[in-house]
Amino acid sequence: MRISARADYAVRAVLELAVRQGTEPVKAESIAAVQDIPHKFLEGILGDLRRGGIVDSRRGGGGGYRLARDASAITVADVIRTVDGPIVSVRGERPTGLEYTGSALPLLPLWIALRANVRKILEGVTIADIAGDALPEPVQRLAAEPAAWENP
């Protein structure tokens, strides 16, 4: 699985809004500067997040962006799906839409299992979890495994 720059930037932007929740709306320029995200690229991402109901925006001098709902109600999966579509795809298709024959038949349940595990993690972590540096225990356990940090 590959996390696109667009998805990474979107999660970071939403996280930045979460840690500033309760203050004035945050300008895109500020998010871009703090998170080192190209401003023009971020504007497009924030537009997608607004259309997806993750963020709200306000125009004008006191305008900017803020979360559309509480950070505890937004999962990492929600953010990624909003900007990139399905979390796991094979050749651009959802695994459930694939068909294999012959010796490749066992691939389909493998892709489905991969999708289930990725979804379990990304749907189980909220923006509030990350903002509070409180990842769920199963995620912490996986990240604590030495092999998780190795590049085979």
N, C-alpha and C. Protein backbone atom coordinates (compact mmCIF):
# COMPACT_ATOMS: atom_id res chain seq x y z
N MET A 1 0.84 -1.18 0.00
CA MET A 1 0.00 0.00 0.00
C MET A 1 0.88 1.24 0.00
N ARG A 2 0.41 2.26 -0.67
CA ARG A 2 1.16 3.50 -0.78
C ARG A 2 0.27 4.65 -0.32
N ILE A 3 0.78 5.48 0.57
CA ILE A 3 0.06 6.68 1.00
C ILE A 3 0.54 7.81 0.11
N SER A 4 -0.36 8.42 -0.63
CA SER A 4 0.02 9.50 -1.55
C SER A 4 0.41 10.75 -0.78
N ALA A 5 1.14 11.63 -1.45
CA ALA A 5 1.47 12.93 -0.85
C ALA A 5 0.19 13.67 -0.53
N ARG A 6 -0.80 13.56 -1.40
CA ARG A 6 -2.09 14.23 -1.18
C ARG A 6 -2.74 13.76 0.12
N ALA A 7 -2.73 12.45 0.37
CA ALA A 7 -3.33 11.91 1.59
C ALA A 7 -2.51 12.33 2.82
N ASP A 8 -1.19 12.25 2.72
CA ASP A 8 -0.33 12.66 3.83
C ASP A 8 -0.56 14.13 4.17
N TYR A 9 -0.57 14.99 3.16
CA TYR A 9 -0.79 16.41 3.38
C TYR A 9 -2.18 16.66 3.99
N ALA A 10 -3.18 15.93 3.51
CA ALA A 10 -4.54 16.12 4.02
C ALA A 10 -4.62 15.77 5.50
N VAL A 11 -4.03 14.66 5.89
CA VAL A 11 -4.05 14.25 7.30
C VAL A 11 -3.31 15.29 8.14
N ARG A 12 -2.17 15.75 7.65
CA ARG A 12 -1.40 16.76 8.39
C ARG A 12 -2.16 18.07 8.52
N ALA A 13 -2.86 18.48 7.47
CA ALA A 13 -3.64 19.72 7.51
C ALA A 13 -4.79 19.59 8.51
N VAL A 14 -5.49 18.47 8.47
CA VAL A 14 -6.60 18.25 9.40
C VAL A 14 -6.07 18.19 10.84
N LEU A 15 -4.94 17.55 11.03
CA LEU A 15 -4.32 17.50 12.35
C LEU A 15 -3.96 18.90 12.84
N GLU A 16 -3.42 19.72 11.97
CA GLU A 16 -3.08 21.10 12.33
C GLU A 16 -4.33 21.86 12.76
N LEU A 17 -5.43 21.66 12.05
CA LEU A 17 -6.68 22.30 12.44
C LEU A 17 -7.17 21.78 13.79
N ALA A 18 -6.97 20.50 14.04
CA ALA A 18 -7.42 19.90 15.30
C ALA A 18 -6.67 20.50 16.49
N VAL A 19 -5.37 20.68 16.36
CA VAL A 19 -4.61 21.21 17.50
C VAL A 19 -4.90 22.70 17.70
N ARG A 20 -5.46 23.35 16.70
CA ARG A 20 -5.82 24.77 16.83
C ARG A 20 -7.32 24.95 17.03
N GLN A 21 -8.05 23.87 17.23
CA GLN A 21 -9.51 23.91 17.40
C GLN A 21 -9.85 24.86 18.54
N GLY A 22 -10.90 25.64 18.36
CA GLY A 22 -11.32 26.57 19.40
C GLY A 22 -10.78 27.96 19.19
N THR A 23 -9.81 28.11 18.32
CA THR A 23 -9.30 29.44 18.02
C THR A 23 -9.99 29.94 16.76
N GLU A 24 -9.51 31.03 16.26
CA GLU A 24 -10.04 31.59 15.01
C GLU A 24 -9.77 30.61 13.86
N PRO A 25 -10.52 30.75 12.76
CA PRO A 25 -10.21 29.92 11.59
C PRO A 25 -8.74 30.08 11.20
N VAL A 26 -8.17 29.01 10.66
CA VAL A 26 -6.75 28.99 10.32
C VAL A 26 -6.59 29.19 8.81
N LYS A 27 -5.75 30.11 8.44
CA LYS A 27 -5.50 30.38 7.02
C LYS A 27 -4.70 29.24 6.40
N ALA A 28 -4.97 28.97 5.13
CA ALA A 28 -4.26 27.92 4.41
C ALA A 28 -2.76 28.21 4.39
N GLU A 29 -2.40 29.48 4.26
CA GLU A 29 -0.99 29.85 4.23
C GLU A 29 -0.28 29.43 5.51
N SER A 30 -0.97 29.57 6.63
CA SER A 30 -0.40 29.20 7.93
C SER A 30 -0.20 27.69 8.03
N ILE A 31 -1.20 26.93 7.60
CA ILE A 31 -1.09 25.47 7.62
C ILE A 31 0.06 25.04 6.72
N ALA A 32 0.11 25.63 5.52
CA ALA A 32 1.16 25.28 4.56
C ALA A 32 2.54 25.55 5.13
N ALA A 33 2.70 26.69 5.80
CA ALA A 33 4.01 27.06 6.34
C ALA A 33 4.42 26.13 7.49
N VAL A 34 3.51 25.90 8.42
CA VAL A 34 3.83 25.08 9.59
C VAL A 34 4.09 23.62 9.21
N GLN A 35 3.33 23.11 8.25
CA GLN A 35 3.44 21.71 7.87
C GLN A 35 4.33 21.48 6.64
N ASP A 36 4.90 22.54 6.10
CA ASP A 36 5.77 22.45 4.93
C ASP A 36 5.07 21.75 3.76
N ILE A 37 3.90 22.28 3.43
CA ILE A 37 3.08 21.76 2.33
C ILE A 37 2.99 22.86 1.28
N PRO A 38 3.19 22.54 0.01
CA PRO A 38 3.05 23.56 -1.03
C PRO A 38 1.65 24.20 -0.97
N HIS A 39 1.61 25.52 -0.88
CA HIS A 39 0.35 26.24 -0.66
C HIS A 39 -0.71 25.94 -1.71
N LYS A 40 -0.36 26.00 -2.97
CA LYS A 40 -1.35 25.76 -4.05
C LYS A 40 -1.91 24.34 -3.97
N PHE A 41 -1.04 23.38 -3.69
CA PHE A 41 -1.46 21.99 -3.56
C PHE A 41 -2.42 21.86 -2.37
N LEU A 42 -2.10 22.53 -1.28
CA LEU A 42 -2.93 22.48 -0.08
C LEU A 42 -4.31 23.08 -0.34
N GLU A 43 -4.37 24.16 -1.11
CA GLU A 43 -5.67 24.78 -1.42
C GLU A 43 -6.62 23.77 -2.06
N GLY A 44 -6.10 22.98 -3.01
CA GLY A 44 -6.93 21.96 -3.65
C GLY A 44 -7.37 20.89 -2.67
N ILE A 45 -6.48 20.49 -1.80
CA ILE A 45 -6.79 19.47 -0.78
C ILE A 45 -7.86 20.01 0.17
N LEU A 46 -7.69 21.24 0.62
CA LEU A 46 -8.68 21.83 1.53
C LEU A 46 -10.05 21.96 0.86
N GLY A 47 -10.06 22.23 -0.43
CA GLY A 47 -11.33 22.25 -1.17
C GLY A 47 -12.00 20.89 -1.15
N ASP A 48 -11.23 19.83 -1.37
CA ASP A 48 -11.79 18.48 -1.31
C ASP A 48 -12.29 18.16 0.09
N LEU A 49 -11.52 18.55 1.11
CA LEU A 49 -11.92 18.30 2.49
C LEU A 49 -13.19 19.07 2.85
N ARG A 50 -13.34 20.27 2.30
CA ARG A 50 -14.56 21.05 2.52
C ARG A 50 -15.76 20.37 1.87
N ARG A 51 -15.59 19.98 0.62
CA ARG A 51 -16.68 19.29 -0.09
C ARG A 51 -17.02 17.96 0.57
N GLY A 52 -16.05 17.33 1.20
CA GLY A 52 -16.26 16.05 1.89
C GLY A 52 -16.79 16.19 3.31
N GLY A 53 -16.99 17.41 3.77
CA GLY A 53 -17.55 17.62 5.10
C GLY A 53 -16.57 17.45 6.25
N ILE A 54 -15.28 17.47 5.94
CA ILE A 54 -14.26 17.34 6.98
C ILE A 54 -13.92 18.71 7.57
N VAL A 55 -13.84 19.73 6.71
CA VAL A 55 -13.54 21.09 7.17
C VAL A 55 -14.61 22.05 6.68
N ASP A 56 -14.70 23.18 7.37
CA ASP A 56 -15.52 24.30 6.96
C ASP A 56 -14.58 25.44 6.62
N SER A 57 -15.05 26.34 5.79
CA SER A 57 -14.22 27.50 5.47
C SER A 57 -15.05 28.77 5.59
N ARG A 58 -14.34 29.84 5.81
CA ARG A 58 -14.96 31.17 5.88
C ARG A 58 -14.07 32.12 5.11
N ARG A 59 -14.68 32.92 4.26
CA ARG A 59 -13.93 33.89 3.46
C ARG A 59 -13.72 35.18 4.24
N GLY A 60 -12.81 35.98 3.73
CA GLY A 60 -12.62 37.31 4.28
C GLY A 60 -11.40 37.43 5.18
N GLY A 61 -11.24 38.62 5.74
CA GLY A 61 -10.08 38.92 6.57
C GLY A 61 -9.94 38.00 7.76
N GLY A 62 -11.04 37.66 8.41
CA GLY A 62 -10.99 36.75 9.56
C GLY A 62 -11.29 35.33 9.16
N GLY A 63 -11.19 35.06 7.86
CA GLY A 63 -11.55 33.74 7.35
C GLY A 63 -10.44 32.72 7.49
N GLY A 64 -10.74 31.55 7.02
CA GLY A 64 -9.80 30.45 7.06
C GLY A 64 -10.56 29.14 7.17
N TYR A 65 -9.92 28.15 7.74
CA TYR A 65 -10.49 26.80 7.83
C TYR A 65 -10.56 26.36 9.28
N ARG A 66 -11.55 25.51 9.55
CA ARG A 66 -11.66 24.84 10.84
C ARG A 66 -12.33 23.50 10.59
N LEU A 67 -12.25 22.62 11.55
CA LEU A 67 -12.87 21.31 11.41
C LEU A 67 -14.39 21.46 11.37
N ALA A 68 -15.04 20.68 10.54
CA ALA A 68 -16.49 20.73 10.42
C ALA A 68 -17.17 19.96 11.55
N ARG A 69 -16.43 19.04 12.17
CA ARG A 69 -16.96 18.30 13.31
C ARG A 69 -15.81 18.00 14.27
N ASP A 70 -16.12 17.49 15.40
CA ASP A 70 -15.11 17.23 16.41
C ASP A 70 -14.05 16.27 15.88
N ALA A 71 -12.81 16.51 16.28
CA ALA A 71 -11.68 15.68 15.82
C ALA A 71 -11.86 14.22 16.22
N SER A 72 -12.61 13.95 17.28
CA SER A 72 -12.83 12.57 17.70
C SER A 72 -13.82 11.84 16.78
N ALA A 73 -14.49 12.59 15.92
CA ALA A 73 -15.45 12.01 14.98
C ALA A 73 -14.88 11.90 13.57
N ILE A 74 -13.60 12.21 13.41
CA ILE A 74 -12.95 12.14 12.09
C ILE A 74 -11.83 11.11 12.17
N THR A 75 -11.93 10.06 11.37
CA THR A 75 -10.87 9.06 11.35
C THR A 75 -9.87 9.38 10.24
N VAL A 76 -8.71 8.80 10.35
CA VAL A 76 -7.70 8.94 9.30
C VAL A 76 -8.28 8.40 7.99
N ALA A 77 -9.04 7.31 8.08
CA ALA A 77 -9.67 6.74 6.88
C ALA A 77 -10.60 7.75 6.22
N ASP A 78 -11.36 8.49 7.02
CA ASP A 78 -12.28 9.51 6.45
C ASP A 78 -11.51 10.52 5.62
N VAL A 79 -10.38 10.98 6.15
CA VAL A 79 -9.59 12.00 5.46
C VAL A 79 -9.01 11.43 4.16
N ILE A 80 -8.43 10.24 4.25
CA ILE A 80 -7.81 9.65 3.05
C ILE A 80 -8.85 9.38 1.98
N ARG A 81 -9.99 8.82 2.36
CA ARG A 81 -11.05 8.56 1.37
C ARG A 81 -11.54 9.85 0.72
N THR A 82 -11.60 10.91 1.48
CA THR A 82 -12.09 12.18 0.94
C THR A 82 -11.17 12.73 -0.15
N VAL A 83 -9.87 12.58 0.02
CA VAL A 83 -8.95 13.17 -0.96
C VAL A 83 -8.44 12.18 -2.00
N ASP A 84 -8.47 10.88 -1.68
CA ASP A 84 -7.89 9.89 -2.60
C ASP A 84 -8.86 8.80 -3.05
N GLY A 85 -10.03 8.71 -2.46
CA GLY A 85 -10.95 7.64 -2.80
C GLY A 85 -10.67 6.39 -1.99
N PRO A 86 -10.95 5.21 -2.54
CA PRO A 86 -10.79 3.97 -1.78
C PRO A 86 -9.38 3.83 -1.19
N ILE A 87 -9.32 3.30 0.01
CA ILE A 87 -8.04 3.19 0.72
C ILE A 87 -7.13 2.14 0.08
N VAL A 88 -7.69 1.02 -0.29
CA VAL A 88 -6.88 -0.03 -0.93
C VAL A 88 -7.51 -0.35 -2.28
N SER A 89 -6.69 -0.26 -3.31
CA SER A 89 -7.16 -0.64 -4.63
C SER A 89 -6.06 -1.44 -5.32
N VAL A 90 -6.48 -2.23 -6.27
CA VAL A 90 -5.55 -3.02 -7.08
C VAL A 90 -5.77 -2.60 -8.52
N ARG A 91 -4.75 -2.04 -9.12
CA ARG A 91 -4.86 -1.51 -10.49
C ARG A 91 -5.99 -0.50 -10.60
N GLY A 92 -6.21 0.26 -9.51
CA GLY A 92 -7.25 1.28 -9.53
C GLY A 92 -8.65 0.78 -9.25
N GLU A 93 -8.82 -0.51 -8.95
CA GLU A 93 -10.14 -1.07 -8.67
C GLU A 93 -10.21 -1.53 -7.23
N ARG A 94 -11.41 -1.51 -6.69
CA ARG A 94 -11.61 -2.06 -5.34
C ARG A 94 -11.43 -3.57 -5.43
N PRO A 95 -10.82 -4.18 -4.42
CA PRO A 95 -10.59 -5.62 -4.48
C PRO A 95 -11.86 -6.44 -4.71
N THR A 96 -12.99 -5.99 -4.19
CA THR A 96 -14.23 -6.74 -4.37
C THR A 96 -14.71 -6.75 -5.81
N GLY A 97 -14.17 -5.88 -6.64
CA GLY A 97 -14.56 -5.83 -8.04
C GLY A 97 -13.67 -6.64 -8.95
N LEU A 98 -12.68 -7.32 -8.38
CA LEU A 98 -11.73 -8.09 -9.18
C LEU A 98 -12.19 -9.52 -9.39
N GLU A 99 -11.70 -10.11 -10.45
CA GLU A 99 -11.94 -11.54 -10.71
C GLU A 99 -10.64 -12.16 -11.16
N TYR A 100 -10.32 -13.30 -10.58
CA TYR A 100 -9.12 -14.03 -10.95
C TYR A 100 -9.51 -15.45 -11.33
N THR A 101 -8.66 -16.08 -12.12
CA THR A 101 -8.89 -17.47 -12.51
C THR A 101 -7.63 -18.29 -12.27
N GLY A 102 -7.80 -19.57 -12.28
CA GLY A 102 -6.66 -20.48 -12.19
C GLY A 102 -5.82 -20.27 -10.95
N SER A 103 -4.51 -20.29 -11.15
CA SER A 103 -3.59 -20.20 -10.03
C SER A 103 -3.64 -18.86 -9.30
N ALA A 104 -4.26 -17.85 -9.91
CA ALA A 104 -4.35 -16.53 -9.28
C ALA A 104 -5.56 -16.40 -8.36
N LEU A 105 -6.42 -17.42 -8.29
CA LEU A 105 -7.61 -17.35 -7.44
C LEU A 105 -7.31 -16.96 -5.99
N PRO A 106 -6.23 -17.47 -5.36
CA PRO A 106 -5.96 -17.10 -3.97
C PRO A 106 -5.55 -15.63 -3.77
N LEU A 107 -5.30 -14.91 -4.85
CA LEU A 107 -4.95 -13.50 -4.69
C LEU A 107 -6.11 -12.66 -4.15
N LEU A 108 -7.33 -12.97 -4.57
CA LEU A 108 -8.46 -12.15 -4.16
C LEU A 108 -8.63 -12.12 -2.64
N PRO A 109 -8.66 -13.27 -1.96
CA PRO A 109 -8.77 -13.18 -0.50
C PRO A 109 -7.56 -12.50 0.15
N LEU A 110 -6.40 -12.57 -0.48
CA LEU A 110 -5.22 -11.87 0.05
C LEU A 110 -5.46 -10.37 -0.02
N TRP A 111 -5.91 -9.86 -1.17
CA TRP A 111 -6.17 -8.43 -1.30
C TRP A 111 -7.29 -7.98 -0.36
N ILE A 112 -8.31 -8.81 -0.20
CA ILE A 112 -9.42 -8.48 0.70
C ILE A 112 -8.92 -8.41 2.15
N ALA A 113 -8.07 -9.36 2.54
CA ALA A 113 -7.51 -9.36 3.89
C ALA A 113 -6.63 -8.13 4.12
N LEU A 114 -5.84 -7.77 3.12
CA LEU A 114 -5.01 -6.58 3.21
C LEU A 114 -5.90 -5.36 3.43
N ARG A 115 -6.94 -5.24 2.64
CA ARG A 115 -7.85 -4.11 2.78
C ARG A 115 -8.50 -4.09 4.16
N ALA A 116 -8.91 -5.24 4.65
CA ALA A 116 -9.55 -5.32 5.97
C ALA A 116 -8.60 -4.84 7.07
N ASN A 117 -7.34 -5.25 6.99
CA ASN A 117 -6.37 -4.84 8.01
C ASN A 117 -6.04 -3.36 7.93
N VAL A 118 -5.88 -2.84 6.74
CA VAL A 118 -5.60 -1.42 6.58
C VAL A 118 -6.78 -0.61 7.09
N ARG A 119 -7.98 -1.03 6.74
CA ARG A 119 -9.18 -0.33 7.21
C ARG A 119 -9.29 -0.39 8.73
N LYS A 120 -8.97 -1.53 9.31
CA LYS A 120 -9.05 -1.69 10.77
C LYS A 120 -8.18 -0.65 11.46
N ILE A 121 -6.99 -0.43 10.93
CA ILE A 121 -6.08 0.55 11.54
C ILE A 121 -6.57 1.97 11.28
N LEU A 122 -6.79 2.32 10.01
CA LEU A 122 -7.12 3.70 9.66
C LEU A 122 -8.50 4.14 10.14
N GLU A 123 -9.44 3.21 10.24
CA GLU A 123 -10.76 3.54 10.77
C GLU A 123 -10.77 3.57 12.30
N GLY A 124 -9.73 3.00 12.91
CA GLY A 124 -9.64 2.95 14.36
C GLY A 124 -8.82 4.06 14.98
N VAL A 125 -8.30 4.95 14.15
CA VAL A 125 -7.50 6.07 14.66
C VAL A 125 -8.18 7.37 14.25
N THR A 126 -8.50 8.19 15.25
CA THR A 126 -9.12 9.47 14.96
C THR A 126 -8.07 10.58 14.94
N ILE A 127 -8.47 11.68 14.39
CA ILE A 127 -7.59 12.86 14.39
C ILE A 127 -7.32 13.28 15.84
N ALA A 128 -8.32 13.15 16.70
CA ALA A 128 -8.13 13.48 18.12
C ALA A 128 -7.08 12.57 18.77
N ASP A 129 -7.06 11.29 18.38
CA ASP A 129 -6.05 10.37 18.91
C ASP A 129 -4.65 10.88 18.59
N ILE A 130 -4.45 11.29 17.35
CA ILE A 130 -3.13 11.75 16.92
C ILE A 130 -2.80 13.09 17.59
N ALA A 131 -3.77 14.00 17.60
CA ALA A 131 -3.55 15.31 18.21
C ALA A 131 -3.21 15.20 19.69
N GLY A 132 -3.78 14.19 20.34
CA GLY A 132 -3.51 13.98 21.76
C GLY A 132 -2.36 13.04 22.03
N ASP A 133 -1.63 12.66 20.97
CA ASP A 133 -0.52 11.70 21.09
C ASP A 133 -0.97 10.47 21.87
N ALA A 134 -2.15 9.96 21.50
CA ALA A 134 -2.74 8.82 22.19
C ALA A 134 -3.24 7.79 21.18
N LEU A 135 -2.33 7.26 20.39
CA LEU A 135 -2.73 6.25 19.43
C LEU A 135 -3.30 5.05 20.17
N PRO A 136 -4.31 4.38 19.58
CA PRO A 136 -4.88 3.20 20.23
C PRO A 136 -3.80 2.13 20.48
N GLU A 137 -4.00 1.38 21.53
CA GLU A 137 -3.02 0.37 21.95
C GLU A 137 -2.63 -0.60 20.82
N PRO A 138 -3.57 -1.12 20.03
CA PRO A 138 -3.15 -2.04 18.95
C PRO A 138 -2.18 -1.38 17.96
N VAL A 139 -2.39 -0.10 17.69
CA VAL A 139 -1.51 0.62 16.77
C VAL A 139 -0.14 0.83 17.42
N GLN A 140 -0.15 1.18 18.69
CA GLN A 140 1.12 1.35 19.41
C GLN A 140 1.92 0.04 19.43
N ARG A 141 1.21 -1.07 19.66
CA ARG A 141 1.89 -2.38 19.68
C ARG A 141 2.53 -2.70 18.34
N LEU A 142 1.79 -2.47 17.27
CA LEU A 142 2.34 -2.74 15.93
C LEU A 142 3.54 -1.86 15.65
N ALA A 143 3.45 -0.58 16.00
CA ALA A 143 4.55 0.35 15.74
C ALA A 143 5.76 0.06 16.62
N ALA A 144 5.55 -0.60 17.74
CA ALA A 144 6.65 -0.90 18.66
C ALA A 144 7.46 -2.13 18.23
N GLU A 145 6.93 -2.90 17.29
CA GLU A 145 7.66 -4.07 16.81
C GLU A 145 8.88 -3.62 16.01
N PRO A 146 10.07 -4.09 16.37
CA PRO A 146 11.28 -3.67 15.65
C PRO A 146 11.19 -3.90 14.13
N ALA A 147 10.58 -4.99 13.73
CA ALA A 147 10.47 -5.28 12.30
C ALA A 147 9.64 -4.24 11.55
N ALA A 148 8.76 -3.56 12.25
CA ALA A 148 7.93 -2.54 11.61
C ALA A 148 8.76 -1.37 11.10
N TRP A 149 9.94 -1.17 11.68
CA TRP A 149 10.80 -0.05 11.33
C TRP A 149 11.86 -0.44 10.31
N GLU A 150 11.89 -1.69 9.93
CA GLU A 150 12.90 -2.16 8.95
C GLU A 150 12.37 -2.08 7.54
N ASN A 151 13.25 -1.82 6.62
CA ASN A 151 12.90 -1.80 5.20
C ASN A 151 13.47 -3.05 4.54
N PRO A 152 12.62 -4.03 4.30
CA PRO A 152 13.14 -5.27 3.68
C PRO A 152 13.56 -5.06 2.24
